[in-house]
Protein backbone atom coordinates (compact mmCIF):
# COMPACT_ATOMS: atom_id res chain seq x y z
CA MET A 1 6.64 -10.59 -6.68
CA LYS A 2 9.12 -10.93 -9.52
CA VAL A 3 11.52 -8.47 -7.88
CA LYS A 4 11.46 -10.45 -4.63
CA ILE A 5 12.15 -13.71 -6.44
CA LEU A 6 15.08 -12.15 -8.28
CA ASP A 7 16.44 -10.97 -4.94
CA LEU A 8 16.22 -14.54 -3.67
CA TYR A 9 18.08 -15.71 -6.77
CA PHE A 10 20.99 -13.32 -6.18
CA GLN A 11 21.04 -14.39 -2.52
CA GLY A 12 21.30 -18.02 -3.59
CA LYS A 13 18.06 -18.94 -1.83
CA LEU A 14 16.05 -20.43 -4.70
CA ASN A 15 15.57 -24.16 -4.79
CA PRO A 16 17.31 -26.09 -7.58
CA LEU A 17 15.22 -26.91 -10.64
CA GLU A 18 15.39 -30.67 -10.77
CA GLY A 19 13.66 -32.15 -13.79
CA LYS A 20 11.68 -29.02 -14.54
CA GLU A 21 13.90 -27.17 -17.03
CA LYS A 22 11.93 -28.46 -20.01
CA LEU A 23 8.70 -27.27 -18.45
CA VAL A 24 10.13 -23.78 -17.77
CA LYS A 25 11.53 -23.58 -21.29
CA ARG A 26 8.16 -24.54 -22.74
CA VAL A 27 6.37 -21.86 -20.67
CA VAL A 28 8.84 -19.23 -21.88
CA GLN A 29 8.13 -20.30 -25.49
CA ILE A 30 4.40 -19.86 -24.87
CA LEU A 31 4.87 -16.47 -23.22
CA ARG A 32 6.96 -15.27 -26.15
CA ARG A 33 3.92 -15.65 -28.37
CA ARG A 34 1.52 -13.77 -26.05
CA ASN A 35 0.38 -10.48 -27.55
CA LYS A 36 -2.81 -9.62 -25.73
CA HIS A 37 -3.38 -10.64 -22.11
CA SER A 38 -1.01 -10.72 -19.13
CA PRO A 39 -0.04 -14.27 -18.05
CA CYS A 40 -1.51 -15.79 -14.90
CA PHE A 41 -0.61 -19.19 -13.41
CA ILE A 42 -3.58 -21.04 -11.91
CA GLY A 43 -3.64 -24.57 -10.51
CA HIS A 44 -3.89 -26.83 -7.49
CA PRO A 45 -1.04 -27.03 -4.94
CA GLY A 46 1.84 -29.18 -6.10
CA VAL A 47 1.60 -28.58 -9.85
CA TRP A 48 4.89 -26.62 -10.00
CA LYS A 49 3.52 -23.06 -10.30
CA THR A 50 6.22 -21.70 -7.97
CA ALA A 51 8.91 -23.75 -9.71
CA ILE A 52 7.95 -22.26 -13.06
CA ILE A 53 8.12 -18.69 -11.71
CA GLU A 54 11.44 -19.32 -9.94
CA GLY A 55 12.82 -20.99 -13.04
CA HIS A 56 11.84 -17.96 -15.11
CA ALA A 57 13.53 -15.69 -12.55
CA LYS A 58 16.76 -17.70 -12.77
CA ARG A 59 16.86 -17.33 -16.55
CA ILE A 60 16.59 -13.51 -16.50
CA PRO A 61 20.10 -12.75 -15.07
CA ARG A 62 21.59 -15.35 -17.41
CA GLY A 63 20.15 -13.64 -20.47
CA MET A 64 18.01 -16.68 -21.27
CA VAL A 65 14.74 -14.75 -21.40
CA PRO A 66 13.59 -12.60 -24.34
CA GLU A 67 13.69 -8.87 -23.68
CA ARG A 68 9.92 -8.54 -23.97
CA LEU A 69 9.47 -10.93 -21.02
CA LYS A 70 11.39 -8.67 -18.65
CA PHE A 71 8.94 -6.74 -16.52
CA ARG A 72 9.87 -3.16 -17.40
CA ARG A 73 10.10 -3.97 -21.07
CA MET A 74 6.65 -5.56 -20.93
CA LEU A 75 5.35 -2.57 -19.01
CA LYS A 76 6.39 -0.24 -21.81
CA GLU A 77 5.60 -2.38 -24.85
CA ASP A 78 2.34 -3.89 -23.59
CA ASP A 79 1.04 -0.81 -21.83
CA ARG A 80 -2.56 -1.19 -23.00
CA SER A 81 -2.82 -4.86 -22.07
CA PHE A 82 -1.71 -3.86 -18.57
CA GLY A 83 -4.52 -1.30 -18.53
CA GLY A 84 -2.07 1.34 -17.41
CA THR A 85 -2.44 3.92 -20.17
CA GLY A 86 -6.07 3.43 -21.06
CA TRP A 87 -7.87 3.51 -17.73
CA ALA A 88 -8.16 6.54 -15.47
CA ILE A 89 -9.76 5.42 -12.20
CA THR A 90 -10.40 6.73 -8.70
CA GLU A 91 -9.65 3.71 -6.52
CA PHE A 92 -6.80 1.39 -5.62
CA SER A 93 -7.64 -1.87 -3.89
CA TRP A 94 -6.73 -5.53 -3.50
CA ASP A 95 -8.26 -6.42 -6.87
CA VAL A 96 -8.00 -3.10 -8.77
CA LYS A 97 -4.32 -2.19 -8.88
CA PHE A 98 -4.06 0.06 -11.94
CA ALA A 99 -3.35 3.19 -9.89
CA GLY A 100 -0.41 1.47 -8.19
CA LEU A 101 1.03 0.38 -11.52
CA GLN A 102 0.61 3.89 -12.91
CA VAL A 103 2.40 5.51 -9.97
CA ILE A 104 5.31 3.04 -10.20
CA ALA A 105 5.65 3.57 -13.95
CA SER A 106 5.63 7.34 -13.48
CA LYS A 107 8.81 7.09 -11.40
CA PHE A 108 10.64 5.49 -14.35
CA LEU A 109 10.56 8.88 -16.07
CA ILE A 110 13.46 10.17 -13.98
CA GLU A 111 15.73 7.29 -15.02
CA GLU A 112 17.88 8.08 -18.04
CA LYS A 113 17.73 4.54 -19.42
CA HIS A 114 13.94 4.84 -19.83
CA LYS A 115 13.91 8.17 -21.68
CA LYS A 116 13.28 6.46 -25.02
CA HIS A 117 9.93 5.30 -23.65
CA ALA A 118 9.01 8.70 -22.24
CA ASP A 119 5.90 9.04 -24.42
CA ILE A 120 4.36 5.87 -22.98
CA LEU A 121 5.52 6.58 -19.42
CA GLU A 122 3.97 10.04 -19.64
CA GLN A 123 0.64 8.34 -20.31
CA TYR A 124 1.10 6.30 -17.14
CA ARG A 125 1.94 9.49 -15.25
CA SER A 126 -1.16 11.24 -16.59
CA LYS A 127 -3.41 8.43 -15.34
CA ALA A 128 -1.59 8.27 -12.00
CA GLU A 129 -2.08 11.99 -11.47
CA TYR A 130 -5.76 11.74 -12.40
CA TYR A 131 -6.14 9.28 -9.51
CA LEU A 132 -4.13 11.44 -7.11
CA CYS A 133 -6.02 14.59 -8.09
CA SER A 134 -9.33 12.79 -7.46
CA LEU A 135 -8.18 12.09 -3.90
CA LEU A 136 -7.33 15.76 -3.40
CA ASN A 137 -10.65 16.97 -4.83
CA LYS A 138 -8.84 18.66 -7.72
CA ASN A 139 -10.46 17.03 -10.77
CA ASP A 140 -13.07 18.81 -12.87
CA GLY A 141 -16.58 17.53 -13.48
CA GLY A 142 -17.10 15.93 -10.10
CA ASN A 143 -14.65 13.11 -10.83
CA ASN A 144 -13.34 13.18 -7.28
CA VAL A 145 -13.46 10.75 -4.39
CA GLU A 146 -16.26 11.44 -1.94
CA ARG A 147 -15.43 12.37 1.66
CA THR A 148 -17.29 11.94 4.92
CA PRO A 149 -18.34 15.09 6.82
CA ALA A 150 -15.18 14.73 8.93
CA GLY A 151 -12.93 14.41 5.87
CA LEU A 152 -12.30 10.69 5.46
CA LEU A 153 -12.03 9.45 1.87
CA TYR A 154 -15.06 7.35 1.04
CA ILE A 155 -15.36 4.92 -1.90
CA ARG A 156 -18.01 2.40 -0.86
CA GLN A 157 -19.79 0.88 2.09
CA TRP A 158 -18.00 -2.46 2.38
CA ASN A 159 -14.53 -2.19 3.95
CA ASN A 160 -13.94 1.42 2.96
CA MET A 161 -10.70 1.63 4.97
CA GLN A 162 -8.86 -0.46 2.39
CA TYR A 163 -9.33 2.39 -0.08
CA VAL A 164 -8.23 4.93 2.51
CA SER A 165 -5.03 3.09 3.44
CA THR A 166 -4.05 2.35 -0.16
CA ALA A 167 -4.75 5.95 -1.19
CA THR A 168 -2.67 7.24 1.72
CA PHE A 169 0.14 4.91 0.68
CA LEU A 170 0.22 6.14 -2.94
CA LEU A 171 -0.11 9.78 -1.87
CA THR A 172 2.91 9.35 0.40
CA ILE A 173 4.94 7.69 -2.35
CA TYR A 174 4.10 10.37 -4.90
CA SER A 175 4.80 13.17 -2.43
CA ASP A 176 8.26 11.69 -1.92
CA PHE A 177 8.72 11.42 -5.69
CA LEU A 178 7.74 15.07 -6.27
CA HIS A 179 10.00 16.21 -3.45
CA SER A 180 13.01 14.35 -4.87
CA THR A 181 12.42 15.75 -8.38
CA ASN A 182 11.44 19.26 -7.25
CA LYS A 183 8.12 19.08 -9.11
CA LYS A 184 4.45 19.67 -8.38
CA LEU A 185 1.28 17.73 -9.08
CA SER A 186 -0.74 19.38 -11.85
CA CYS A 187 -4.51 19.00 -11.56
CA ASN A 188 -7.39 20.70 -13.33
CA GLY A 189 -8.15 22.41 -10.06
CA GLY A 190 -4.64 23.77 -9.64
CA THR A 191 -1.15 22.63 -8.73
CA VAL A 192 -0.31 20.89 -5.47
CA ASN A 193 3.15 20.65 -3.92
CA HIS A 194 4.57 17.64 -2.10
CA ASP A 195 3.98 19.13 1.35
CA GLU A 196 0.26 19.59 0.67
CA ILE A 197 -0.05 16.00 -0.57
CA LEU A 198 1.75 14.63 2.47
CA SER A 199 -0.34 16.82 4.78
CA PHE A 200 -3.54 15.35 3.36
CA ALA A 201 -2.14 11.81 3.66
CA LYS A 202 -1.35 12.51 7.32
CA SER A 203 -4.90 13.79 7.87
CA GLN A 204 -6.19 10.37 6.78
CA VAL A 205 -3.78 8.64 9.16
CA ASP A 206 -4.89 10.95 11.97
CA TYR A 207 -8.53 10.04 11.30
CA ILE A 208 -7.69 6.33 11.37
CA LEU A 209 -5.88 6.70 14.70
CA GLY A 210 -8.66 8.57 16.47
CA SER A 211 -9.00 12.16 15.23
CA ASN A 212 -12.62 11.63 14.20
CA PRO A 213 -16.12 12.39 15.55
CA LEU A 214 -16.23 9.14 17.57
CA ASN A 215 -12.66 9.50 18.92
CA MET A 216 -12.28 5.91 17.77
CA SER A 217 -9.02 4.38 16.62
CA TYR A 218 -9.82 2.03 13.76
CA LEU A 219 -6.40 0.43 14.17
CA VAL A 220 -7.07 -2.34 16.69
CA GLY A 221 -4.90 -2.15 19.80
CA TYR A 222 -3.95 1.50 19.32
CA GLY A 223 -5.22 4.12 21.78
CA SER A 224 -7.76 3.76 24.55
CA LYS A 225 -10.78 3.26 22.28
CA PHE A 226 -10.77 0.82 19.37
CA PRO A 227 -13.14 -1.87 17.93
CA GLN A 228 -13.68 -4.69 20.45
CA ARG A 229 -15.74 -7.03 18.27
CA VAL A 230 -13.65 -7.46 15.15
CA HIS A 231 -15.15 -9.79 12.56
CA HIS A 232 -12.33 -12.34 12.73
CA ARG A 233 -12.64 -15.99 13.68
CA GLY A 234 -9.34 -16.33 15.54
CA ALA A 235 -9.90 -13.14 17.53
CA SER A 236 -13.51 -13.88 18.43
CA ILE A 237 -13.03 -17.46 19.70
CA VAL A 238 -11.43 -18.19 23.05
CA SER A 239 -7.87 -19.54 23.10
CA TYR A 240 -7.26 -23.27 23.50
CA ARG A 241 -5.31 -22.45 26.66
CA GLU A 242 -8.57 -21.28 28.17
CA HIS A 243 -10.93 -23.81 26.61
CA LYS A 244 -9.68 -27.32 25.85
CA GLY A 245 -12.89 -28.47 24.19
CA PHE A 246 -13.29 -28.99 20.44
CA ILE A 247 -14.34 -25.87 18.53
CA GLY A 248 -15.06 -26.48 14.86
CA CYS A 249 -16.70 -24.19 12.31
CA THR A 250 -20.20 -24.99 13.58
CA GLN A 251 -19.30 -24.53 17.24
CA GLY A 252 -17.45 -21.30 16.49
CA TYR A 253 -20.43 -19.86 14.69
CA ASP A 254 -23.10 -21.10 17.10
CA ASN A 255 -21.29 -20.37 20.37
CA TRP A 256 -19.03 -17.39 19.64
CA TYR A 257 -20.00 -15.43 16.54
CA SER A 258 -23.20 -13.92 17.92
CA ARG A 259 -21.89 -13.14 21.41
CA GLU A 260 -22.33 -9.51 22.39
CA GLY A 261 -19.21 -9.30 24.53
CA PRO A 262 -15.80 -8.14 23.26
CA ASN A 263 -13.46 -10.55 21.51
CA PRO A 264 -11.36 -12.67 23.89
CA ASN A 265 -8.28 -11.95 21.74
CA ILE A 266 -7.18 -8.49 20.63
CA LEU A 267 -6.11 -8.47 16.98
CA VAL A 268 -3.36 -5.89 17.43
CA GLY A 269 -2.50 -3.94 14.29
CA ALA A 270 -5.63 -4.87 12.34
CA LEU A 271 -7.34 -2.08 10.41
CA VAL A 272 -11.10 -2.69 10.29
CA GLY A 273 -13.51 -1.63 7.55
CA GLY A 274 -14.30 1.62 9.32
CA PRO A 275 -17.20 4.08 9.39
CA ASP A 276 -19.89 4.78 6.82
CA ASN A 277 -20.21 7.92 4.74
CA GLY A 278 -21.65 9.78 7.74
CA ASP A 279 -18.73 8.91 10.07
CA ASN A 280 -20.95 6.38 11.91
CA PHE A 281 -19.59 3.07 13.14
CA GLU A 282 -21.29 0.11 14.84
CA ASP A 283 -18.91 -2.12 16.78
CA ARG A 284 -20.73 -5.39 16.21
CA ARG A 285 -19.13 -8.67 15.09
CA GLY A 286 -21.92 -9.38 12.61
CA ASN A 287 -21.43 -5.96 11.03
CA TYR A 288 -18.73 -7.36 8.75
CA MET A 289 -18.81 -4.41 6.34
CA GLN A 290 -17.38 -2.22 9.09
CA THR A 291 -15.64 -4.60 11.51
CA GLU A 292 -13.92 -7.10 9.22
CA ALA A 293 -10.11 -6.91 9.35
CA CYS A 294 -8.02 -7.63 6.24
CA THR A 295 -4.28 -7.80 5.70
CA TYR A 296 -4.61 -5.58 2.63
CA ASN A 297 -6.04 -2.87 4.90
CA THR A 298 -3.05 -2.84 7.22
CA ALA A 299 -0.23 -3.54 4.74
CA PRO A 300 -0.21 -0.13 3.00
CA LEU A 301 -0.16 1.63 6.37
CA VAL A 302 3.11 -0.11 7.25
CA GLY A 303 4.80 1.81 4.43
CA VAL A 304 3.15 5.07 5.46
CA PHE A 305 4.14 4.64 9.12
CA ALA A 306 7.70 3.82 8.06
CA LYS A 307 7.89 7.09 6.10
CA LEU A 308 6.41 9.16 8.92
CA LEU A 309 8.82 7.56 11.41
CA GLU A 310 11.75 8.32 9.11
CA MET A 311 10.66 11.95 8.91
CA GLU A 312 10.28 12.18 12.68
CA ASN A 313 13.75 10.71 13.22
CA GLN A 314 15.22 13.17 10.73
CA LYS A 315 13.49 16.04 12.54
CA LEU A 316 14.82 14.89 15.91
CA PHE A 317 18.32 14.56 14.46
CA HIS A 318 18.08 18.04 12.94
CA ASP A 319 16.73 19.55 16.16
CA SER A 320 19.46 17.94 18.27
CA ASN A 321 22.11 19.22 15.88
CA SER A 322 20.60 22.72 15.96
CA LEU A 323 20.57 22.62 19.76
CA LEU A 324 24.20 21.51 19.78
CA VAL A 325 25.25 24.30 17.42
CA SER A 326 23.28 26.82 19.47
CA SER A 327 24.93 25.54 22.65
CA PHE A 328 28.39 25.94 21.17
CA GLY A 329 27.45 29.43 20.04
CA ILE A 330 26.49 30.45 23.58
CA HIS A 331 29.72 29.10 25.05
CA ASP A 332 31.77 30.86 22.41
CA SER A 333 30.08 34.18 23.06
CA GLU A 334 30.41 33.79 26.80
CA SER A 335 34.11 32.99 26.41
CA TYR A 336 34.56 35.98 24.18
CA ILE A 337 32.88 38.34 26.68
CA TYR A 338 34.89 36.86 29.59
CA ASN A 339 38.21 37.34 27.79
CA ILE A 340 37.42 40.99 27.10
């Protein structure tokens, strides 16, 4: 979030701080004294939370913020309070983001200006690779992520697809990182190159899109068979264009929630919770553990799809160039033979 706000600052899109400079300055003074927990702004709408964050962002380029309040500096100096160097875990989700932080910090190692913090960043890398190795079934002692019989990563019963999509996202990022640095992932169970990591990530995408025992695409709107009864209020209640009567919470629950028919609106692009640990799935609106759709399920897949599309475009470009070169080669040889 901080990076996006700084981008807005440099684009001149942040609102002016009118009458709030003293408040921002006071918050910075408080943050300077923090030495244990990461700051979090909580409050009702309209109490200037956004203004405080934007004001802080404006002060960074002007050199009006202490070094230890700049994100990367904090990441390196307060590594344990971030949980990045102390916790090795096997999941990445909407409320457990340590693996994401660890992967991002690992990429700092290739930047010359961060070499002086290499010892701390190596600890982040170690924890990031523990997570990645657990996904690839390469950790010792059974500290690996479970898989369904058909090969889908499985963390827990409720909304398991969020863990699949986030894992696929980080695997894709780290594969790209290893490829650019010409390195391999070192696990207790052996080394893994970037192609193997990307291949496994693609296998998870393939499962999501229909290469599974049920031939079911868990991405709503994709393919010929996908969940029809997504646990989503807007999708499961008829449009106002079709029904002009009042539909409140009570009416929505009483008249629409328990209907057995498919949703009147298709929630295109939604990734539902997905199958259980036996690859079984029940397309029922009340089965919220499997049919609920969340933005944090779909969001990581956007990055993965973007990468796969980029690779496909590069392949097409390479193939077209190869065909062109081959074509010129044929003409040249034919011309040569003709002239003889």
